[in-house]
Amino acid sequence: MNYDINILIVEDLLTTRLFLRRTLRKLGYTNVVLSEDGEVALQELERKPFDLIISDWHMPKMDGLDFF
């Protein structure tokens, strides 16, 4: 299995972001980027492509539905 994929986590709660990153790293995924809302996530997407995006639905500024 290829664990060398880029993952973006879009979540406004810091504890949830950190939990998801820690869980993914324990599973062997090391390329995990954290973003606190949709606006910041769009900036990250301009920098590099992601293979998987995990997004919260309800967030300030730009929610998950608007982000997609």
PDB file of N, CA and C in Angstrom:
ATOM      1  N   MET A   1       0.837  -1.176   0.000  1.00  0.00           N
ATOM      2  CA  MET A   1       0.000   0.000   0.000  1.00  0.00           C
ATOM      3  C   MET A   1       0.887   1.247   0.000  1.00  0.00           C
ATOM      4  N   ASN A   2       0.498   2.274  -0.752  1.00  0.00           N
ATOM      5  CA  ASN A   2       1.259   3.507  -0.849  1.00  0.00           C
ATOM      6  C   ASN A   2       0.797   4.503   0.218  1.00  0.00           C
ATOM      7  N   TYR A   3       1.670   4.770   1.187  1.00  0.00           N
ATOM      8  CA  TYR A   3       1.344   5.720   2.246  1.00  0.00           C
ATOM      9  C   TYR A   3       1.910   7.102   1.960  1.00  0.00           C
ATOM     10  N   ASP A   4       2.537   7.275   0.794  1.00  0.00           N
ATOM     11  CA  ASP A   4       3.154   8.538   0.436  1.00  0.00           C
ATOM     12  C   ASP A   4       2.171   9.402  -0.357  1.00  0.00           C
ATOM     13  N   ILE A   5       1.073   9.769   0.299  1.00  0.00           N
ATOM     14  CA  ILE A   5       0.078  10.634  -0.336  1.00  0.00           C
ATOM     15  C   ILE A   5      -0.046  11.910   0.481  1.00  0.00           C
ATOM     16  N   ASN A   6      -0.489  12.972  -0.164  1.00  0.00           N
ATOM     17  CA  ASN A   6      -0.687  14.258   0.500  1.00  0.00           C
ATOM     18  C   ASN A   6      -2.125  14.360   0.994  1.00  0.00           C
ATOM     19  N   ILE A   7      -2.262  14.592   2.299  1.00  0.00           N
ATOM     20  CA  ILE A   7      -3.581  14.672   2.924  1.00  0.00           C
ATOM     21  C   ILE A   7      -3.756  16.059   3.532  1.00  0.00           C
ATOM     22  N   LEU A   8      -4.905  16.663   3.270  1.00  0.00           N
ATOM     23  CA  LEU A   8      -5.257  17.963   3.850  1.00  0.00           C
ATOM     24  C   LEU A   8      -6.429  17.772   4.802  1.00  0.00           C
ATOM     25  N   ILE A   9      -6.245  18.209   6.040  1.00  0.00           N
ATOM     26  CA  ILE A   9      -7.318  18.168   7.041  1.00  0.00           C
ATOM     27  C   ILE A   9      -7.812  19.593   7.248  1.00  0.00           C
ATOM     28  N   VAL A  10      -9.105  19.809   7.011  1.00  0.00           N
ATOM     29  CA  VAL A  10      -9.721  21.128   7.169  1.00  0.00           C
ATOM     30  C   VAL A  10     -10.720  21.023   8.325  1.00  0.00           C
ATOM     31  N   GLU A  11     -10.354  21.613   9.451  1.00  0.00           N
ATOM     32  CA  GLU A  11     -11.149  21.467  10.686  1.00  0.00           C
ATOM     33  C   GLU A  11     -10.878  22.664  11.584  1.00  0.00           C
ATOM     34  N   ASP A  12     -11.930  23.288  12.103  1.00  0.00           N
ATOM     35  CA  ASP A  12     -11.742  24.474  12.930  1.00  0.00           C
ATOM     36  C   ASP A  12     -11.310  24.164  14.357  1.00  0.00           C
ATOM     37  N   LEU A  13     -11.584  23.000  14.866  1.00  0.00           N
ATOM     38  CA  LEU A  13     -11.199  22.655  16.239  1.00  0.00           C
ATOM     39  C   LEU A  13      -9.776  22.084  16.267  1.00  0.00           C
ATOM     40  N   LEU A  14      -8.900  22.762  16.977  1.00  0.00           N
ATOM     41  CA  LEU A  14      -7.500  22.363  17.035  1.00  0.00           C
ATOM     42  C   LEU A  14      -7.334  20.934  17.551  1.00  0.00           C
ATOM     43  N   THR A  15      -8.057  20.578  18.595  1.00  0.00           N
ATOM     44  CA  THR A  15      -7.909  19.226  19.156  1.00  0.00           C
ATOM     45  C   THR A  15      -8.284  18.158  18.137  1.00  0.00           C
ATOM     46  N   THR A  16      -9.298  18.410  17.346  1.00  0.00           N
ATOM     47  CA  THR A  16      -9.712  17.445  16.325  1.00  0.00           C
ATOM     48  C   THR A  16      -8.675  17.360  15.216  1.00  0.00           C
ATOM     49  N   ARG A  17      -8.129  18.506  14.794  1.00  0.00           N
ATOM     50  CA  ARG A  17      -7.065  18.506  13.775  1.00  0.00           C
ATOM     51  C   ARG A  17      -5.878  17.689  14.239  1.00  0.00           C
ATOM     52  N   LEU A  18      -5.453  17.930  15.459  1.00  0.00           N
ATOM     53  CA  LEU A  18      -4.290  17.216  15.992  1.00  0.00           C
ATOM     54  C   LEU A  18      -4.570  15.731  16.157  1.00  0.00           C
ATOM     55  N   PHE A  19      -5.773  15.381  16.608  1.00  0.00           N
ATOM     56  CA  PHE A  19      -6.144  13.977  16.750  1.00  0.00           C
ATOM     57  C   PHE A  19      -6.101  13.258  15.402  1.00  0.00           C
ATOM     58  N   LEU A  20      -6.685  13.893  14.377  1.00  0.00           N
ATOM     59  CA  LEU A  20      -6.690  13.272  13.053  1.00  0.00           C
ATOM     60  C   LEU A  20      -5.280  13.102  12.506  1.00  0.00           C
ATOM     61  N   ARG A  21      -4.446  14.128  12.674  1.00  0.00           N
ATOM     62  CA  ARG A  21      -3.065  14.020  12.195  1.00  0.00           C
ATOM     63  C   ARG A  21      -2.310  12.908  12.920  1.00  0.00           C
ATOM     64  N   ARG A  22      -2.465  12.853  14.236  1.00  0.00           N
ATOM     65  CA  ARG A  22      -1.785  11.819  15.015  1.00  0.00           C
ATOM     66  C   ARG A  22      -2.250  10.426  14.601  1.00  0.00           C
ATOM     67  N   THR A  23      -3.555  10.271  14.400  1.00  0.00           N
ATOM     68  CA  THR A  23      -4.101   8.975  13.991  1.00  0.00           C
ATOM     69  C   THR A  23      -3.573   8.566  12.618  1.00  0.00           C
ATOM     70  N   LEU A  24      -3.572   9.510  11.668  1.00  0.00           N
ATOM     71  CA  LEU A  24      -3.069   9.203  10.324  1.00  0.00           C
ATOM     72  C   LEU A  24      -1.581   8.870  10.355  1.00  0.00           C
ATOM     73  N   ARG A  25      -0.816   9.566  11.172  1.00  0.00           N
ATOM     74  CA  ARG A  25       0.622   9.270  11.280  1.00  0.00           C
ATOM     75  C   ARG A  25       0.857   7.892  11.882  1.00  0.00           C
ATOM     76  N   LYS A  26       0.053   7.509  12.857  1.00  0.00           N
ATOM     77  CA  LYS A  26       0.172   6.163  13.425  1.00  0.00           C
ATOM     78  C   LYS A  26      -0.126   5.086  12.388  1.00  0.00           C
ATOM     79  N   LEU A  27      -0.980   5.430  11.419  1.00  0.00           N
ATOM     80  CA  LEU A  27      -1.312   4.499  10.343  1.00  0.00           C
ATOM     81  C   LEU A  27      -0.273   4.511   9.225  1.00  0.00           C
ATOM     82  N   GLY A  28       0.709   5.417   9.319  1.00  0.00           N
ATOM     83  CA  GLY A  28       1.786   5.448   8.345  1.00  0.00           C
ATOM     84  C   GLY A  28       1.740   6.581   7.345  1.00  0.00           C
ATOM     85  N   TYR A  29       0.744   7.462   7.451  1.00  0.00           N
ATOM     86  CA  TYR A  29       0.637   8.604   6.535  1.00  0.00           C
ATOM     87  C   TYR A  29       1.398   9.784   7.134  1.00  0.00           C
ATOM     88  N   THR A  30       2.444  10.228   6.458  1.00  0.00           N
ATOM     89  CA  THR A  30       3.307  11.270   7.022  1.00  0.00           C
ATOM     90  C   THR A  30       3.090  12.643   6.403  1.00  0.00           C
ATOM     91  N   ASN A  31       2.522  12.723   5.224  1.00  0.00           N
ATOM     92  CA  ASN A  31       2.325  14.003   4.532  1.00  0.00           C
ATOM     93  C   ASN A  31       0.933  14.553   4.831  1.00  0.00           C
ATOM     94  N   VAL A  32       0.768  15.071   6.045  1.00  0.00           N
ATOM     95  CA  VAL A  32      -0.525  15.580   6.497  1.00  0.00           C
ATOM     96  C   VAL A  32      -0.402  17.069   6.786  1.00  0.00           C
ATOM     97  N   VAL A  33      -1.252  17.865   6.138  1.00  0.00           N
ATOM     98  CA  VAL A  33      -1.262  19.317   6.326  1.00  0.00           C
ATOM     99  C   VAL A  33      -2.563  19.697   7.023  1.00  0.00           C
ATOM    100  N   LEU A  34      -2.459  20.598   8.001  1.00  0.00           N
ATOM    101  CA  LEU A  34      -3.622  21.036   8.768  1.00  0.00           C
ATOM    102  C   LEU A  34      -4.054  22.435   8.347  1.00  0.00           C
ATOM    103  N   SER A  35      -5.369  22.631   8.310  1.00  0.00           N
ATOM    104  CA  SER A  35      -5.941  23.928   7.955  1.00  0.00           C
ATOM    105  C   SER A  35      -7.154  24.180   8.847  1.00  0.00           C
ATOM    106  N   GLU A  36      -7.278  25.428   9.361  1.00  0.00           N
ATOM    107  CA  GLU A  36      -8.359  25.711  10.317  1.00  0.00           C
ATOM    108  C   GLU A  36      -9.675  26.130   9.679  1.00  0.00           C
ATOM    109  N   ASP A  37      -9.692  26.441   8.386  1.00  0.00           N
ATOM    110  CA  ASP A  37     -10.955  26.759   7.718  1.00  0.00           C
ATOM    111  C   ASP A  37     -10.781  26.660   6.206  1.00  0.00           C
ATOM    112  N   GLY A  38     -11.860  26.839   5.487  1.00  0.00           N
ATOM    113  CA  GLY A  38     -11.844  26.690   4.040  1.00  0.00           C
ATOM    114  C   GLY A  38     -10.963  27.695   3.329  1.00  0.00           C
ATOM    115  N   GLU A  39     -10.894  28.923   3.842  1.00  0.00           N
ATOM    116  CA  GLU A  39     -10.055  29.946   3.219  1.00  0.00           C
ATOM    117  C   GLU A  39      -8.579  29.557   3.262  1.00  0.00           C
ATOM    118  N   VAL A  40      -8.135  29.084   4.404  1.00  0.00           N
ATOM    119  CA  VAL A  40      -6.739  28.659   4.545  1.00  0.00           C
ATOM    120  C   VAL A  40      -6.497  27.405   3.696  1.00  0.00           C
ATOM    121  N   ALA A  41      -7.477  26.537   3.636  1.00  0.00           N
ATOM    122  CA  ALA A  41      -7.347  25.316   2.826  1.00  0.00           C
ATOM    123  C   ALA A  41      -7.171  25.661   1.348  1.00  0.00           C
ATOM    124  N   LEU A  42      -7.888  26.661   0.860  1.00  0.00           N
ATOM    125  CA  LEU A  42      -7.726  27.077  -0.535  1.00  0.00           C
ATOM    126  C   LEU A  42      -6.307  27.589  -0.789  1.00  0.00           C
ATOM    127  N   GLN A  43      -5.730  28.282   0.176  1.00  0.00           N
ATOM    128  CA  GLN A  43      -4.347  28.733   0.046  1.00  0.00           C
ATOM    129  C   GLN A  43      -3.392  27.545  -0.029  1.00  0.00           C
ATOM    130  N   GLU A  44      -3.655  26.521   0.779  1.00  0.00           N
ATOM    131  CA  GLU A  44      -2.823  25.314   0.746  1.00  0.00           C
ATOM    132  C   GLU A  44      -2.937  24.610  -0.603  1.00  0.00           C
ATOM    133  N   LEU A  45      -4.138  24.600  -1.164  1.00  0.00           N
ATOM    134  CA  LEU A  45      -4.346  23.953  -2.469  1.00  0.00           C
ATOM    135  C   LEU A  45      -3.621  24.687  -3.590  1.00  0.00           C
ATOM    136  N   GLU A  46      -3.396  25.978  -3.430  1.00  0.00           N
ATOM    137  CA  GLU A  46      -2.628  26.728  -4.420  1.00  0.00           C
ATOM    138  C   GLU A  46      -1.149  26.355  -4.381  1.00  0.00           C
ATOM    139  N   ARG A  47      -0.673  25.899  -3.228  1.00  0.00           N
ATOM    140  CA  ARG A  47       0.737  25.544  -3.058  1.00  0.00           C
ATOM    141  C   ARG A  47       1.067  24.161  -3.614  1.00  0.00           C
ATOM    142  N   LYS A  48       0.140  23.202  -3.424  1.00  0.00           N
ATOM    143  CA  LYS A  48       0.404  21.849  -3.913  1.00  0.00           C
ATOM    144  C   LYS A  48      -0.909  21.069  -3.988  1.00  0.00           C
ATOM    145  N   PRO A  49      -0.918  20.031  -4.793  1.00  0.00           N
ATOM    146  CA  PRO A  49      -2.126  19.200  -4.889  1.00  0.00           C
ATOM    147  C   PRO A  49      -2.216  18.216  -3.717  1.00  0.00           C
ATOM    148  N   PHE A  50      -3.432  17.822  -3.396  1.00  0.00           N
ATOM    149  CA  PHE A  50      -3.656  16.841  -2.335  1.00  0.00           C
ATOM    150  C   PHE A  50      -4.406  15.648  -2.908  1.00  0.00           C
ATOM    151  N   ASP A  51      -4.051  14.483  -2.408  1.00  0.00           N
ATOM    152  CA  ASP A  51      -4.694  13.249  -2.846  1.00  0.00           C
ATOM    153  C   ASP A  51      -5.981  12.988  -2.074  1.00  0.00           C
ATOM    154  N   LEU A  52      -6.047  13.500  -0.852  1.00  0.00           N
ATOM    155  CA  LEU A  52      -7.207  13.288   0.011  1.00  0.00           C
ATOM    156  C   LEU A  52      -7.441  14.550   0.838  1.00  0.00           C
ATOM    157  N   ILE A  53      -8.699  14.978   0.910  1.00  0.00           N
ATOM    158  CA  ILE A  53      -9.074  16.111   1.757  1.00  0.00           C
ATOM    159  C   ILE A  53     -10.145  15.639   2.729  1.00  0.00           C
ATOM    160  N   ILE A  54      -9.880  15.840   4.013  1.00  0.00           N
ATOM    161  CA  ILE A  54     -10.848  15.538   5.062  1.00  0.00           C
ATOM    162  C   ILE A  54     -11.317  16.876   5.604  1.00  0.00           C
ATOM    163  N   SER A  55     -12.614  17.169   5.465  1.00  0.00           N
ATOM    164  CA  SER A  55     -13.104  18.489   5.822  1.00  0.00           C
ATOM    165  C   SER A  55     -14.296  18.423   6.776  1.00  0.00           C
ATOM    166  N   ASP A  56     -14.275  19.337   7.723  1.00  0.00           N
ATOM    167  CA  ASP A  56     -15.410  19.555   8.608  1.00  0.00           C
ATOM    168  C   ASP A  56     -16.519  20.223   7.796  1.00  0.00           C
ATOM    169  N   TRP A  57     -17.737  20.079   8.232  1.00  0.00           N
ATOM    170  CA  TRP A  57     -18.870  20.673   7.530  1.00  0.00           C
ATOM    171  C   TRP A  57     -19.137  22.090   8.025  1.00  0.00           C
ATOM    172  N   HIS A  58     -19.135  22.291   9.345  1.00  0.00           N
ATOM    173  CA  HIS A  58     -19.447  23.592   9.947  1.00  0.00           C
ATOM    174  C   HIS A  58     -18.175  24.246  10.463  1.00  0.00           C
ATOM    175  N   MET A  59     -17.763  25.330   9.789  1.00  0.00           N
ATOM    176  CA  MET A  59     -16.569  26.066  10.182  1.00  0.00           C
ATOM    177  C   MET A  59     -16.822  27.560   9.993  1.00  0.00           C
ATOM    178  N   PRO A  60     -16.064  28.403  10.701  1.00  0.00           N
ATOM    179  CA  PRO A  60     -16.200  29.847  10.495  1.00  0.00           C
ATOM    180  C   PRO A  60     -15.595  30.261   9.154  1.00  0.00           C
ATOM    181  N   LYS A  61     -15.906  31.452   8.725  1.00  0.00           N
ATOM    182  CA  LYS A  61     -15.415  32.059   7.484  1.00  0.00           C
ATOM    183  C   LYS A  61     -15.930  31.332   6.254  1.00  0.00           C
ATOM    184  N   MET A  62     -15.499  30.115   6.028  1.00  0.00           N
ATOM    185  CA  MET A  62     -15.946  29.329   4.885  1.00  0.00           C
ATOM    186  C   MET A  62     -16.155  27.899   5.364  1.00  0.00           C
ATOM    187  N   ASP A  63     -17.398  27.427   5.296  1.00  0.00           N
ATOM    188  CA  ASP A  63     -17.667  26.078   5.782  1.00  0.00           C
ATOM    189  C   ASP A  63     -17.260  25.028   4.747  1.00  0.00           C
ATOM    190  N   GLY A  64     -17.362  23.770   5.133  1.00  0.00           N
ATOM    191  CA  GLY A  64     -16.953  22.679   4.261  1.00  0.00           C
ATOM    192  C   GLY A  64     -17.721  22.602   2.961  1.00  0.00           C
ATOM    193  N   LEU A  65     -18.987  22.928   2.995  1.00  0.00           N
ATOM    194  CA  LEU A  65     -19.814  22.879   1.784  1.00  0.00           C
ATOM    195  C   LEU A  65     -19.380  23.959   0.795  1.00  0.00           C
ATOM    196  N   ASP A  66     -19.130  25.165   1.261  1.00  0.00           N
ATOM    197  CA  ASP A  66     -18.640  26.226   0.388  1.00  0.00           C
ATOM    198  C   ASP A  66     -17.239  25.942  -0.118  1.00  0.00           C
ATOM    199  N   PHE A  67     -16.441  25.308   0.700  1.00  0.00           N
ATOM    200  CA  PHE A  67     -15.068  24.971   0.332  1.00  0.00           C
ATOM    201  C   PHE A  67     -15.054  24.058  -0.907  1.00  0.00           C
ATOM    202  N   PHE A  68     -15.951  23.072  -0.939  1.00  0.00           N
ATOM    203  CA  PHE A  68     -15.992  22.153  -2.068  1.00  0.00           C
ATOM    204  C   PHE A  68     -16.804  22.756  -3.178  1.00  0.00           C
TER     205      PHE A  68
END
